[in-house]
C-alpha atoms as a PDB file:
ATOM      1  CA  MET A   1      91.467  95.582  89.960  1.00  0.00           C
ATOM      2  CA  GLU A   2      91.872  91.933  89.082  1.00  0.00           C
ATOM      3  CA  MET A   3      90.360  88.812  90.637  1.00  0.00           C
ATOM      4  CA  TYR A   4      92.796  86.411  92.314  1.00  0.00           C
ATOM      5  CA  GLU A   5      92.402  82.938  93.789  1.00  0.00           C
ATOM      6  CA  VAL A   6      94.434  82.592  96.971  1.00  0.00           C
ATOM      7  CA  GLN A   7      94.981  79.021  98.147  1.00  0.00           C
ATOM      8  CA  LEU A   8      96.231  78.466 101.689  1.00  0.00           C
ATOM      9  CA  ARG A   9      98.639  75.740 102.706  1.00  0.00           C
ATOM     10  CA  PRO A  10      97.865  74.815 106.321  1.00  0.00           C
ATOM     11  CA  HIS A  11      99.494  71.695 107.748  1.00  0.00           C
ATOM     12  CA  ARG A  12     101.881  71.407 104.751  1.00  0.00           C
ATOM     13  CA  HIS A  13      99.106  70.443 102.305  1.00  0.00           C
ATOM     14  CA  TRP A  14      97.331  72.540  99.683  1.00  0.00           C
ATOM     15  CA  ASP A  15      93.734  72.965 100.739  1.00  0.00           C
ATOM     16  CA  ARG A  16      91.269  73.824  97.967  1.00  0.00           C
ATOM     17  CA  LEU A  17      88.471  74.023 100.538  1.00  0.00           C
ATOM     18  CA  HIS A  18      90.112  77.096 102.050  1.00  0.00           C
ATOM     19  CA  ALA A  19      90.813  78.840  98.731  1.00  0.00           C
ATOM     20  CA  ARG A  20      89.494  82.399  98.585  1.00  0.00           C
ATOM     21  CA  ILE A  21      88.704  84.711  95.696  1.00  0.00           C
ATOM     22  CA  VAL A  22      89.691  88.357  96.270  1.00  0.00           C
ATOM     23  CA  ALA A  23      89.841  91.544  94.217  1.00  0.00           C
ATOM     24  CA  ALA A  24      93.263  93.204  94.338  1.00  0.00           C
ATOM     25  CA  ARG A  25      95.711  95.285  92.298  1.00  0.00           C
ATOM     26  CA  ASP A  26      98.436  92.599  92.342  1.00  0.00           C
ATOM     27  CA  GLU A  27      99.484  89.278  93.907  1.00  0.00           C
ATOM     28  CA  GLU A  28     101.059  90.913  96.955  1.00  0.00           C
ATOM     29  CA  GLU A  29      97.861  92.773  97.835  1.00  0.00           C
ATOM     30  CA  ALA A  30      95.774  89.609  97.348  1.00  0.00           C
ATOM     31  CA  ALA A  31      98.060  87.664  99.711  1.00  0.00           C
ATOM     32  CA  TYR A  32      97.896  90.468 102.280  1.00  0.00           C
ATOM     33  CA  LYS A  33      94.091  90.622 102.147  1.00  0.00           C
ATOM     34  CA  VAL A  34      93.857  86.911 102.986  1.00  0.00           C
ATOM     35  CA  THR A  35      96.618  86.586 105.599  1.00  0.00           C
ATOM     36  CA  GLY A  36      96.884  90.079 107.057  1.00  0.00           C
ATOM     37  CA  GLU A  37     100.681  89.965 106.873  1.00  0.00           C
ATOM     38  CA  ARG A  38     103.353  90.814 104.319  1.00  0.00           C
ATOM     39  CA  LEU A  39     104.809  87.659 102.792  1.00  0.00           C
ATOM     40  CA  ARG A  40     107.855  87.173 100.556  1.00  0.00           C
ATOM     41  CA  LYS A  41     108.087  85.739  97.058  1.00  0.00           C
ATOM     42  CA  ASP A  42     111.375  84.000  97.853  1.00  0.00           C
ATOM     43  CA  GLY A  43     112.158  81.652 100.697  1.00  0.00           C
ATOM     44  CA  ASP A  44     112.405  78.140 102.025  1.00  0.00           C
ATOM     45  CA  ARG A  45     110.033  75.528 100.594  1.00  0.00           C
ATOM     46  CA  ARG A  46     109.290  74.413 104.162  1.00  0.00           C
ATOM     47  CA  LYS A  47     107.799  77.840 104.840  1.00  0.00           C
ATOM     48  CA  VAL A  48     105.377  78.013 101.904  1.00  0.00           C
ATOM     49  CA  ARG A  49     102.217  79.758 103.091  1.00  0.00           C
ATOM     50  CA  LEU A  50     100.037  80.174 100.014  1.00  0.00           C
ATOM     51  CA  TRP A  51      99.869  80.612  96.271  1.00  0.00           C
ATOM     52  CA  VAL A  52      98.113  83.315  94.363  1.00  0.00           C
ATOM     53  CA  ALA A  53      96.763  82.943  90.819  1.00  0.00           C
ATOM     54  CA  ARG A  54      95.110  85.625  88.707  1.00  0.00           C
ATOM     55  CA  LEU A  55      91.795  84.376  87.346  1.00  0.00           C
ATOM     56  CA  GLY A  56      91.017  84.501  83.640  1.00  0.00           C
ATOM     57  CA  ASN A  57      92.176  83.078  80.353  1.00  0.00           C
ATOM     58  CA  GLY A  58      95.872  83.409  79.578  1.00  0.00           C
ATOM     59  CA  SER A  59      96.812  84.114  83.189  1.00  0.00           C
ATOM     60  CA  PRO A  60     100.432  83.642  84.270  1.00  0.00           C
ATOM     61  CA  PRO A  61     101.325  80.710  86.538  1.00  0.00           C
ATOM     62  CA  PRO A  62     100.540  81.079  90.256  1.00  0.00           C
ATOM     63  CA  THR A  63     102.943  82.987  92.511  1.00  0.00           C
ATOM     64  CA  VAL A  64     104.126  81.193  95.657  1.00  0.00           C
ATOM     65  CA  PHE A  65     104.483  83.215  98.870  1.00  0.00           C
ATOM     66  CA  TYR A  66     106.594  82.272 101.884  1.00  0.00           C
ATOM     67  CA  ALA A  67     106.484  83.112 105.576  1.00  0.00           C
ATOM     68  CA  PRO A  68     109.086  85.703 106.641  1.00  0.00           C
END
């Protein structure tokens, strides 16, 4: 399991106050644990829901998830 920071985007603005740290096997599971729904990695920029970043040195860039 890895630790991920999941940052929500309510009201079309990134909100660091509502960022959560979760333990998960991958980005998809981390997003699901926070939202309770399956999100997509591709979609319309107007429907961005959150981004997920793996914590630690040398981590890849955050993954953006979209509403279905």
